[in-house]
Amino acid sequence: MTHFDLLIIGTGSGNSLPGPEFDGLSIALVEKGTFGGTCLNVGCIPTKMFSYTAEIAGTPAKAARFGVSETLDGVDWPAIRDRIFGRIDPIAAGGEDYRKTHEDNRFLTVYQGVGRFTGPKTMVVATAGGEEEITADRVVIAAGARPSLPPIPGLSQAQALTSDSVMRMEELPASMIILGSGFIAAEMAHVFSSLGVAVTVLARSSVLLRAQDHDIAEAYTTIASGTYDVRLEFSTTAVERRDGRVIVTGIHRDEVVTIEADEILVATGRQPNSDTLEVGAAGIGTHADGRVRVDDYQRVLDESGAVIEGVFALGDISSPWQLKHVANKEAKTVRHNLLHPDDLKATDHRYVPSAVFGDPQIATVGMTEAQAKESGLDYAVAKQDYAGIAYGWAMENTTGFAKIIVERETTRILGAHIIGPHAPTLIQILIQAMSTGQTARDIVDTQYWIHPAMPELIENALLQVV
């Protein structure tokens, strides 16, 4: 048994914790997979690099409206894939090497292997060299999440792709079925359809991206349905791989339907890695979906809701958002609270934004209109089309819009939702306003808005409600 001052499980946002402030403390860092976590290796960074590539591949199809003749002459999948991972993989390897060999980390020990709790602040790690038991005074759980497969007969035997594997395929398939309708499904459908794959999206719900504001979800569903095959209200009953092909059977609006493709991508959600860590053995409480229970200070709770002193959790293993910027924010909270146990800070989760890098892009923060209605607030809604501003004319955009929800009397911004080019950039104006307490009236009246730039979309929307 080896004892440490601090045990950190996971090298995503957890890897940002060790620094000069912890010099002199013995630290154990446990990683079961590749250094860098989900975001770097299989999540936000590679997917956005693929999404941008898809955007480039999709420009010829839209060029004629500008009087420009363009053609897509071909797609070199290995070159696309290797450009992306040729940049990412060395970063992961460099991060691992730094933690293992650099003088800065002389008090840090890396354990590469699968860890499981065997008691409070006690873990057994199975590495290539065997099992080792480690204990620590304080523990940070940042072990992330993994793709989940729904219990559909035959699916586990069908060699299905997930977001962990689809971006490293050896060859680009001619056709692909995507099971799911959330942001991973939307982004991957955009990527592969733009690269020439015949994509079929199977969604149980009546719209794609159903967690979005309903106007946004409806608009995205309409646009996507004109780009690739979208089957809404589809209940998958069986999956089979036969002669190298995937065969999906399901009920689509009371009819039994069979769909075939070269590959199937399962994008129906992700599950926290709390089960593989066997957190119950350490007395750690979990939610029904497997998330580790934490309080506002990122302190881990037991099943009764009591704080387990000296144990923290952050990121996808405990957060309902499963977003890298949330994990990074929570890591800052944990670092502060480790260093200042008598001056604890809470994580501010009030205005968590998110984005979907599909086609078109989507960004959102705060309440949807349905949530505002359910809250009983007296609210007003502004909606401004891209087609109503000069830069929207330049882009010939006829489908994008911004929707902003404010408290009617005070013009306090309750929520914002944008669908269209540069949506994740445009929404930052509103995230900042909400986070600093500025109202719609404040930001319309106190600053210039460059004409004829894209932020006029936000200005013109806000003018409707002040």
Protein backbone atom coordinates (compact mmCIF):
# COMPACT_ATOMS: atom_id res chain seq x y z
CA MET A 1 0.00 0.00 0.00
CA THR A 2 1.22 3.50 -0.93
CA HIS A 3 -0.16 6.61 0.73
CA PHE A 4 -0.42 10.03 -0.95
CA ASP A 5 -1.45 13.49 0.10
CA LEU A 6 -3.72 13.80 -2.95
CA LEU A 7 -5.24 11.29 -5.37
CA ILE A 8 -6.60 12.57 -8.70
CA ILE A 9 -8.58 10.19 -10.89
CA GLY A 10 -8.72 11.24 -14.55
CA THR A 11 -6.49 13.38 -16.78
CA GLY A 12 -9.06 15.54 -18.53
CA SER A 13 -9.80 18.66 -16.51
CA GLY A 14 -8.39 16.80 -13.51
CA ASN A 15 -4.95 17.06 -15.10
CA SER A 16 -5.10 20.84 -14.72
CA LEU A 17 -5.09 20.60 -10.92
CA PRO A 18 -1.43 19.78 -10.09
CA GLY A 19 0.70 22.89 -10.21
CA PRO A 20 3.28 24.91 -8.27
CA GLU A 21 0.73 25.57 -5.51
CA PHE A 22 0.90 21.89 -4.60
CA ASP A 23 4.70 21.61 -4.52
CA GLY A 24 5.84 19.29 -1.79
CA LEU A 25 2.63 17.27 -1.73
CA SER A 26 2.75 13.68 -2.92
CA ILE A 27 0.19 13.26 -5.70
CA ALA A 28 -1.11 10.14 -7.44
CA LEU A 29 -2.65 10.60 -10.89
CA VAL A 30 -4.70 7.65 -12.18
CA GLU A 31 -5.65 7.34 -15.85
CA LYS A 32 -7.27 4.29 -17.43
CA GLY A 33 -7.05 5.50 -21.03
CA THR A 34 -5.39 8.24 -23.05
CA PHE A 35 -4.12 11.40 -21.39
CA GLY A 36 -6.27 14.46 -21.96
CA GLY A 37 -9.72 13.01 -21.39
CA THR A 38 -12.80 13.09 -23.59
CA CYS A 39 -12.50 16.64 -24.91
CA LEU A 40 -9.02 16.34 -26.35
CA ASN A 41 -9.17 12.78 -27.67
CA VAL A 42 -12.74 11.90 -28.66
CA GLY A 43 -14.87 14.95 -27.90
CA CYS A 44 -15.06 18.66 -28.47
CA ILE A 45 -11.70 19.32 -30.12
CA PRO A 46 -11.61 16.61 -32.81
CA THR A 47 -15.35 16.89 -33.50
CA LYS A 48 -15.05 20.63 -34.14
CA MET A 49 -12.07 20.07 -36.40
CA PHE A 50 -14.18 17.58 -38.34
CA SER A 51 -17.14 20.00 -38.32
CA TYR A 52 -15.02 22.77 -39.81
CA THR A 53 -13.77 20.39 -42.48
CA ALA A 54 -17.40 19.51 -43.25
CA GLU A 55 -18.18 23.20 -43.53
CA ILE A 56 -15.45 23.56 -46.15
CA ALA A 57 -16.70 20.48 -48.01
CA GLY A 58 -20.23 21.89 -48.01
CA THR A 59 -19.44 25.28 -49.57
CA PRO A 60 -19.71 24.20 -53.24
CA ALA A 61 -23.33 23.18 -52.74
CA LYS A 62 -24.14 26.72 -51.58
CA ALA A 63 -21.91 28.67 -53.98
CA ALA A 64 -24.32 29.15 -56.88
CA ARG A 65 -26.49 31.61 -54.97
CA PHE A 66 -23.48 33.95 -54.85
CA GLY A 67 -22.82 33.68 -58.57
CA VAL A 68 -19.84 31.44 -57.97
CA SER A 69 -19.33 28.03 -59.58
CA GLU A 70 -17.57 25.51 -57.30
CA THR A 71 -17.30 21.75 -57.24
CA LEU A 72 -16.28 19.22 -54.62
CA ASP A 73 -13.83 17.06 -56.54
CA GLY A 74 -13.16 14.51 -53.83
CA VAL A 75 -12.77 13.66 -50.17
CA ASP A 76 -9.57 12.10 -48.83
CA TRP A 77 -10.76 10.56 -45.56
CA PRO A 78 -7.33 9.37 -44.34
CA ALA A 79 -5.90 12.86 -44.96
CA ILE A 80 -8.81 14.48 -43.09
CA ARG A 81 -8.51 12.06 -40.18
CA ASP A 82 -4.72 12.19 -39.98
CA ARG A 83 -4.56 15.99 -40.10
CA ILE A 84 -6.77 16.11 -37.02
CA PHE A 85 -5.25 13.33 -34.97
CA GLY A 86 -1.77 14.19 -36.18
CA ARG A 87 -2.20 17.32 -34.09
CA ILE A 88 -4.16 15.86 -31.18
CA ASP A 89 -2.25 12.65 -30.49
CA PRO A 90 1.11 14.39 -29.90
CA ILE A 91 -0.59 16.72 -27.39
CA ALA A 92 -1.93 13.73 -25.45
CA ALA A 93 1.45 12.00 -25.58
CA GLY A 94 3.25 15.19 -24.57
CA GLY A 95 0.96 15.68 -21.58
CA GLU A 96 1.65 12.14 -20.42
CA ASP A 97 5.39 12.51 -20.86
CA TYR A 98 5.37 15.81 -18.97
CA ARG A 99 3.62 14.31 -15.96
CA LYS A 100 5.90 11.28 -15.93
CA THR A 101 9.31 12.81 -16.54
CA HIS A 102 9.45 16.56 -15.99
CA GLU A 103 11.17 17.93 -12.90
CA ASP A 104 8.03 19.94 -12.10
CA ASN A 105 6.29 16.63 -11.35
CA ARG A 106 8.90 15.02 -9.12
CA PHE A 107 6.30 14.55 -6.36
CA LEU A 108 3.71 13.13 -8.75
CA THR A 109 3.23 9.44 -9.59
CA VAL A 110 1.25 8.38 -12.68
CA TYR A 111 -0.72 5.15 -12.54
CA GLN A 112 -1.90 4.00 -15.94
CA GLY A 113 -4.61 1.46 -15.37
CA VAL A 114 -8.16 0.85 -14.20
CA GLY A 115 -8.85 1.99 -10.67
CA ARG A 116 -11.64 0.91 -8.36
CA PHE A 117 -12.46 2.00 -4.85
CA THR A 118 -12.20 -0.62 -2.13
CA GLY A 119 -12.95 1.68 0.79
CA PRO A 120 -13.00 5.34 1.87
CA LYS A 121 -10.14 7.16 0.11
CA THR A 122 -8.72 3.76 -0.84
CA MET A 123 -8.27 2.48 -4.38
CA VAL A 124 -6.79 -0.52 -6.13
CA VAL A 125 -5.30 0.22 -9.55
CA ALA A 126 -4.74 -2.58 -12.06
CA THR A 127 -1.75 -1.64 -14.21
CA ALA A 128 0.40 -3.61 -16.63
CA GLY A 129 2.66 -4.44 -13.70
CA GLY A 130 -0.12 -5.81 -11.52
CA GLU A 131 -2.45 -4.43 -8.87
CA GLU A 132 -1.46 -1.78 -6.36
CA GLU A 133 -3.44 -0.37 -3.47
CA ILE A 134 -3.19 3.36 -2.86
CA THR A 135 -4.69 5.63 -0.22
CA ALA A 136 -4.82 9.39 0.10
CA ASP A 137 -5.73 12.15 2.52
CA ARG A 138 -7.76 13.88 -0.19
CA VAL A 139 -9.31 12.61 -3.42
CA VAL A 140 -10.53 14.28 -6.62
CA ILE A 141 -12.75 12.21 -8.90
CA ALA A 142 -12.61 13.49 -12.49
CA ALA A 143 -12.99 10.23 -14.39
CA GLY A 144 -15.51 11.43 -16.97
CA ALA A 145 -18.10 9.46 -18.89
CA ARG A 146 -18.32 7.05 -21.81
CA PRO A 147 -20.76 6.31 -24.65
CA SER A 148 -23.73 4.20 -23.63
CA LEU A 149 -25.48 1.61 -25.77
CA PRO A 150 -29.26 1.29 -25.40
CA PRO A 151 -30.55 -2.26 -24.70
CA ILE A 152 -31.64 -3.00 -28.27
CA PRO A 153 -31.52 -6.67 -29.28
CA GLY A 154 -28.44 -7.36 -31.41
CA LEU A 155 -26.86 -3.95 -30.99
CA SER A 156 -23.98 -5.07 -28.80
CA GLN A 157 -23.05 -7.72 -31.41
CA ALA A 158 -23.37 -5.39 -34.44
CA GLN A 159 -19.91 -3.79 -34.12
CA ALA A 160 -21.55 -0.40 -33.70
CA LEU A 161 -19.45 2.73 -33.81
CA THR A 162 -19.60 5.35 -31.05
CA SER A 163 -18.20 8.86 -30.74
CA ASP A 164 -15.07 7.19 -29.31
CA SER A 165 -14.39 5.23 -32.50
CA VAL A 166 -16.18 6.79 -35.47
CA MET A 167 -13.60 9.52 -36.11
CA ARG A 168 -10.77 7.01 -36.44
CA MET A 169 -12.40 4.73 -39.05
CA GLU A 170 -10.02 3.27 -41.61
CA GLU A 171 -12.36 4.02 -44.52
CA LEU A 172 -15.25 6.35 -45.17
CA PRO A 173 -18.41 4.26 -45.57
CA ALA A 174 -20.86 4.85 -48.40
CA SER A 175 -23.79 4.87 -45.97
CA MET A 176 -24.31 5.29 -42.24
CA ILE A 177 -27.22 4.99 -39.83
CA ILE A 178 -27.02 7.33 -36.84
CA LEU A 179 -29.04 6.25 -33.82
CA GLY A 180 -29.91 9.29 -31.72
CA SER A 181 -31.07 12.87 -32.05
CA GLY A 182 -28.91 14.89 -29.64
CA PHE A 183 -25.88 17.09 -30.25
CA ILE A 184 -23.48 14.23 -31.04
CA ALA A 185 -25.91 12.82 -33.60
CA ALA A 186 -26.43 16.27 -35.13
CA GLU A 187 -22.73 17.03 -35.43
CA MET A 188 -21.80 13.63 -36.84
CA ALA A 189 -24.68 13.71 -39.34
CA HIS A 190 -23.38 17.08 -40.52
CA VAL A 191 -19.81 15.79 -40.81
CA PHE A 192 -20.49 12.59 -42.69
CA SER A 193 -23.26 13.86 -44.95
CA SER A 194 -20.99 16.76 -45.98
CA LEU A 195 -18.25 14.26 -46.84
CA GLY A 196 -20.58 12.34 -49.16
CA VAL A 197 -21.89 9.59 -46.88
CA ALA A 198 -25.58 8.71 -47.27
CA VAL A 199 -26.76 9.40 -43.70
CA THR A 200 -29.98 8.22 -42.08
CA VAL A 201 -30.79 9.59 -38.63
CA LEU A 202 -33.19 7.57 -36.47
CA ALA A 203 -34.84 9.65 -33.74
CA ARG A 204 -37.33 8.46 -31.14
CA SER A 205 -38.61 12.00 -30.61
CA SER A 206 -40.74 14.19 -32.86
CA VAL A 207 -37.86 16.65 -33.42
CA LEU A 208 -34.07 16.58 -33.44
CA LEU A 209 -32.30 18.27 -30.52
CA ARG A 210 -35.45 18.17 -28.40
CA ALA A 211 -33.65 19.69 -25.38
CA GLN A 212 -33.30 22.96 -27.29
CA ASP A 213 -35.91 25.72 -27.33
CA HIS A 214 -38.77 24.35 -29.40
CA ASP A 215 -38.44 26.97 -32.16
CA ILE A 216 -34.75 26.11 -32.53
CA ALA A 217 -35.38 22.35 -32.54
CA GLU A 218 -38.14 22.66 -35.13
CA ALA A 219 -36.01 24.85 -37.40
CA TYR A 220 -33.03 22.51 -37.15
CA THR A 221 -35.19 19.47 -37.86
CA THR A 222 -36.63 21.09 -40.99
CA ILE A 223 -33.20 22.07 -42.31
CA ALA A 224 -31.62 18.70 -41.51
CA SER A 225 -34.49 16.83 -43.15
CA GLY A 226 -33.66 18.62 -46.39
CA THR A 227 -30.03 17.52 -46.20
CA TYR A 228 -30.15 13.84 -45.17
CA ASP A 229 -32.71 11.18 -44.32
CA VAL A 230 -34.35 11.91 -40.97
CA ARG A 231 -36.81 9.40 -39.49
CA LEU A 232 -38.66 10.92 -36.56
CA GLU A 233 -40.70 8.93 -34.03
CA PHE A 234 -38.67 5.84 -34.91
CA SER A 235 -38.49 3.06 -32.32
CA THR A 236 -35.58 0.70 -33.01
CA THR A 237 -36.44 -2.89 -32.14
CA ALA A 238 -33.46 -4.87 -33.49
CA VAL A 239 -30.01 -4.43 -35.02
CA GLU A 240 -28.09 -7.05 -36.99
CA ARG A 241 -24.85 -7.15 -38.93
CA ARG A 242 -25.07 -9.48 -41.88
CA ASP A 243 -22.55 -9.89 -44.72
CA GLY A 244 -20.75 -6.74 -43.64
CA ARG A 245 -23.92 -4.64 -43.64
CA VAL A 246 -25.94 -3.28 -40.72
CA ILE A 247 -29.66 -3.97 -40.73
CA VAL A 248 -31.90 -1.97 -38.40
CA THR A 249 -35.51 -2.91 -37.80
CA GLY A 250 -37.94 -0.57 -36.10
CA ILE A 251 -41.42 0.83 -35.84
CA HIS A 252 -41.91 4.07 -37.73
CA ARG A 253 -45.35 5.57 -37.27
CA ASP A 254 -47.06 2.20 -36.80
CA GLU A 255 -45.20 0.52 -39.67
CA VAL A 256 -42.39 -2.05 -39.41
CA VAL A 257 -39.41 -0.64 -41.31
CA THR A 258 -36.01 -2.14 -42.21
CA ILE A 259 -33.04 0.10 -43.01
CA GLU A 260 -29.62 -1.01 -44.22
CA ALA A 261 -26.25 0.74 -44.23
CA ASP A 262 -22.53 0.06 -44.18
CA GLU A 263 -22.11 1.34 -40.61
CA ILE A 264 -24.15 2.33 -37.58
CA LEU A 265 -23.15 5.08 -35.16
CA VAL A 266 -24.79 4.97 -31.74
CA ALA A 267 -25.17 8.51 -30.36
CA THR A 268 -27.87 8.05 -27.75
CA GLY A 269 -26.02 9.42 -24.74
CA ARG A 270 -23.11 9.02 -22.35
CA GLN A 271 -22.94 7.50 -18.88
CA PRO A 272 -20.70 8.52 -15.97
CA ASN A 273 -17.81 6.19 -15.14
CA SER A 274 -18.85 5.92 -11.49
CA ASP A 275 -19.79 2.25 -11.93
CA THR A 276 -16.37 1.20 -13.18
CA LEU A 277 -14.81 3.04 -10.23
CA GLU A 278 -17.14 1.19 -7.84
CA VAL A 279 -17.71 4.41 -5.93
CA GLY A 280 -20.19 2.75 -3.58
CA ALA A 281 -17.31 0.95 -1.89
CA ALA A 282 -16.05 4.36 -0.78
CA GLY A 283 -19.44 5.37 0.58
CA ILE A 284 -20.00 7.80 -2.29
CA GLY A 285 -23.57 8.63 -3.24
CA THR A 286 -24.86 8.66 -6.81
CA HIS A 287 -27.88 9.97 -8.68
CA ALA A 288 -30.23 7.62 -10.55
CA ASP A 289 -28.25 8.19 -13.76
CA GLY A 290 -24.96 7.26 -12.09
CA ARG A 291 -23.58 10.75 -11.51
CA VAL A 292 -21.57 11.19 -8.34
CA ARG A 293 -23.42 13.42 -5.90
CA VAL A 294 -21.74 16.75 -5.11
CA ASP A 295 -22.67 20.01 -3.41
CA ASP A 296 -22.10 23.53 -4.75
CA TYR A 297 -18.48 23.39 -3.56
CA GLN A 298 -17.84 20.19 -5.59
CA ARG A 299 -17.58 18.20 -2.35
CA VAL A 300 -18.74 14.60 -2.74
CA LEU A 301 -21.80 13.51 -0.77
CA ASP A 302 -22.80 10.14 0.58
CA GLU A 303 -26.19 8.55 -0.07
CA SER A 304 -27.74 10.50 2.82
CA GLY A 305 -26.50 13.81 1.41
CA ALA A 306 -23.76 14.33 4.00
CA VAL A 307 -20.41 15.71 2.91
CA ILE A 308 -17.53 13.24 2.68
CA GLU A 309 -14.66 15.37 3.92
CA GLY A 310 -11.65 15.62 1.64
CA VAL A 311 -13.34 14.10 -1.45
CA PHE A 312 -14.27 16.22 -4.47
CA ALA A 313 -15.65 15.48 -7.94
CA LEU A 314 -15.84 17.48 -11.15
CA GLY A 315 -16.75 17.17 -14.80
CA ASP A 316 -18.85 14.56 -16.57
CA ILE A 317 -18.76 12.06 -13.73
CA SER A 318 -20.79 14.42 -11.54
CA SER A 319 -22.12 17.21 -13.76
CA PRO A 320 -25.48 17.08 -15.56
CA TRP A 321 -24.08 19.27 -18.36
CA GLN A 322 -21.20 17.11 -19.62
CA LEU A 323 -19.45 20.11 -21.16
CA LYS A 324 -15.72 20.84 -21.12
CA HIS A 325 -16.14 24.48 -20.11
CA VAL A 326 -18.20 23.33 -17.13
CA ALA A 327 -15.54 20.79 -16.15
CA ASN A 328 -12.86 23.49 -16.38
CA LYS A 329 -14.92 25.84 -14.23
CA GLU A 330 -15.47 23.12 -11.65
CA ALA A 331 -11.75 22.27 -11.68
CA LYS A 332 -10.98 25.88 -10.71
CA THR A 333 -13.44 25.54 -7.83
CA VAL A 334 -11.83 22.30 -6.66
CA ARG A 335 -8.32 23.75 -6.88
CA HIS A 336 -9.33 26.75 -4.77
CA ASN A 337 -11.09 24.58 -2.20
CA LEU A 338 -8.16 22.19 -1.93
CA LEU A 339 -5.83 25.13 -1.29
CA HIS A 340 -8.23 27.12 0.91
CA PRO A 341 -10.33 24.66 2.94
CA ASP A 342 -11.37 27.45 5.32
CA ASP A 343 -12.54 29.75 2.52
CA LEU A 344 -14.61 27.54 0.25
CA LYS A 345 -16.02 28.83 -3.04
CA ALA A 346 -19.03 27.49 -4.92
CA THR A 347 -19.24 26.88 -8.65
CA ASP A 348 -21.58 29.30 -10.42
CA HIS A 349 -23.79 27.14 -12.65
CA ARG A 350 -26.44 29.79 -13.29
CA TYR A 351 -25.64 30.60 -16.91
CA VAL A 352 -24.14 27.53 -18.52
CA PRO A 353 -24.01 27.95 -22.32
CA SER A 354 -23.79 25.20 -24.88
CA ALA A 355 -23.35 24.92 -28.62
CA VAL A 356 -24.04 22.44 -31.40
CA PHE A 357 -21.59 22.60 -34.30
CA GLY A 358 -23.96 21.13 -36.85
CA ASP A 359 -25.36 22.70 -39.98
CA PRO A 360 -26.57 25.23 -39.03
CA GLN A 361 -24.76 25.98 -35.79
CA ILE A 362 -26.74 26.46 -32.58
CA ALA A 363 -25.90 28.21 -29.31
CA THR A 364 -28.00 28.54 -26.20
CA VAL A 365 -27.88 29.88 -22.64
CA GLY A 366 -30.49 30.18 -19.92
CA MET A 367 -34.20 29.42 -20.10
CA THR A 368 -36.12 28.14 -23.07
CA GLU A 369 -39.49 29.74 -23.68
CA ALA A 370 -41.21 26.66 -22.27
CA GLN A 371 -39.17 26.96 -19.07
CA ALA A 372 -39.96 30.67 -18.78
CA LYS A 373 -43.65 29.88 -19.12
CA GLU A 374 -43.46 27.14 -16.51
CA SER A 375 -41.68 29.51 -14.10
CA GLY A 376 -44.68 31.85 -14.06
CA LEU A 377 -42.56 34.86 -14.98
CA ASP A 378 -44.03 37.71 -17.02
CA TYR A 379 -41.72 37.49 -20.01
CA ALA A 380 -41.32 38.89 -23.52
CA VAL A 381 -39.76 37.23 -26.55
CA ALA A 382 -37.71 38.86 -29.28
CA LYS A 383 -36.92 37.10 -32.53
CA GLN A 384 -34.61 38.51 -35.16
CA ASP A 385 -33.91 36.76 -38.46
CA TYR A 386 -30.48 36.74 -40.08
CA ALA A 387 -32.34 37.76 -43.24
CA GLY A 388 -33.25 41.05 -41.53
CA ILE A 389 -29.70 42.37 -41.11
CA ALA A 390 -27.21 43.49 -43.72
CA TYR A 391 -24.62 40.80 -43.01
CA GLY A 392 -27.36 38.22 -43.25
CA TRP A 393 -28.00 39.52 -46.76
CA ALA A 394 -24.30 39.10 -47.51
CA MET A 395 -24.52 35.45 -46.46
CA GLU A 396 -27.86 34.90 -48.26
CA ASN A 397 -29.07 33.31 -45.04
CA THR A 398 -32.83 32.76 -44.94
CA THR A 399 -33.16 30.28 -42.06
CA GLY A 400 -31.13 31.63 -39.13
CA PHE A 401 -32.49 33.65 -36.23
CA ALA A 402 -31.84 34.77 -32.69
CA LYS A 403 -34.48 34.32 -30.00
CA ILE A 404 -34.07 36.22 -26.73
CA ILE A 405 -36.33 35.88 -23.70
CA VAL A 406 -36.44 38.68 -21.13
CA GLU A 407 -38.38 39.55 -18.01
CA ARG A 408 -40.87 42.06 -19.38
CA GLU A 409 -40.60 44.89 -16.83
CA THR A 410 -36.91 44.76 -15.94
CA THR A 411 -35.63 43.44 -19.30
CA ARG A 412 -33.46 40.99 -17.34
CA ILE A 413 -32.24 38.42 -19.86
CA LEU A 414 -33.67 35.01 -19.04
CA GLY A 415 -32.45 33.02 -22.03
CA ALA A 416 -31.00 33.28 -25.50
CA HIS A 417 -31.04 30.87 -28.42
CA ILE A 418 -29.38 31.35 -31.80
CA ILE A 419 -29.42 29.15 -34.89
CA GLY A 420 -27.22 30.08 -37.83
CA PRO A 421 -23.61 30.88 -38.81
CA HIS A 422 -21.32 31.91 -35.92
CA ALA A 423 -24.04 31.29 -33.31
CA PRO A 424 -21.53 30.09 -30.63
CA THR A 425 -19.57 33.33 -31.04
CA LEU A 426 -22.56 35.65 -31.15
CA ILE A 427 -24.10 34.33 -27.96
CA GLN A 428 -21.08 35.32 -25.86
CA ILE A 429 -22.42 38.90 -25.76
CA LEU A 430 -25.50 37.63 -23.96
CA ILE A 431 -23.64 35.21 -21.69
CA GLN A 432 -21.52 38.12 -20.48
CA ALA A 433 -24.57 40.31 -19.91
CA MET A 434 -26.36 37.62 -17.92
CA SER A 435 -23.26 36.79 -15.86
CA THR A 436 -22.56 40.43 -14.95
CA GLY A 437 -26.17 41.39 -14.29
CA GLN A 438 -26.65 43.63 -17.32
CA THR A 439 -30.18 43.84 -18.68
CA ALA A 440 -31.25 44.01 -22.31
CA ARG A 441 -31.83 47.74 -21.82
CA ASP A 442 -28.30 48.16 -20.43
CA ILE A 443 -26.44 46.59 -23.32
CA VAL A 444 -28.55 48.22 -26.03
CA ASP A 445 -28.14 51.71 -24.60
CA THR A 446 -24.51 51.74 -23.43
CA GLN A 447 -22.42 50.52 -26.35
CA TYR A 448 -21.90 50.85 -30.06
CA TRP A 449 -22.78 47.93 -32.34
CA ILE A 450 -20.56 47.72 -35.43
CA HIS A 451 -22.50 48.10 -38.65
CA PRO A 452 -22.99 45.98 -40.67
CA ALA A 453 -21.45 43.20 -38.59
CA MET A 454 -23.14 40.08 -37.22
CA PRO A 455 -23.71 41.44 -33.67
CA GLU A 456 -26.48 43.60 -35.15
CA LEU A 457 -28.51 40.41 -35.00
CA ILE A 458 -28.40 40.68 -31.20
CA GLU A 459 -28.90 44.44 -31.14
CA ASN A 460 -31.99 44.31 -33.33
CA ALA A 461 -33.47 41.51 -31.26
CA LEU A 462 -32.91 43.39 -28.00
CA LEU A 463 -34.49 46.55 -29.40
CA GLN A 464 -37.75 44.64 -29.67
CA VAL A 465 -37.99 44.16 -25.88
CA VAL A 466 -36.59 47.36 -24.33
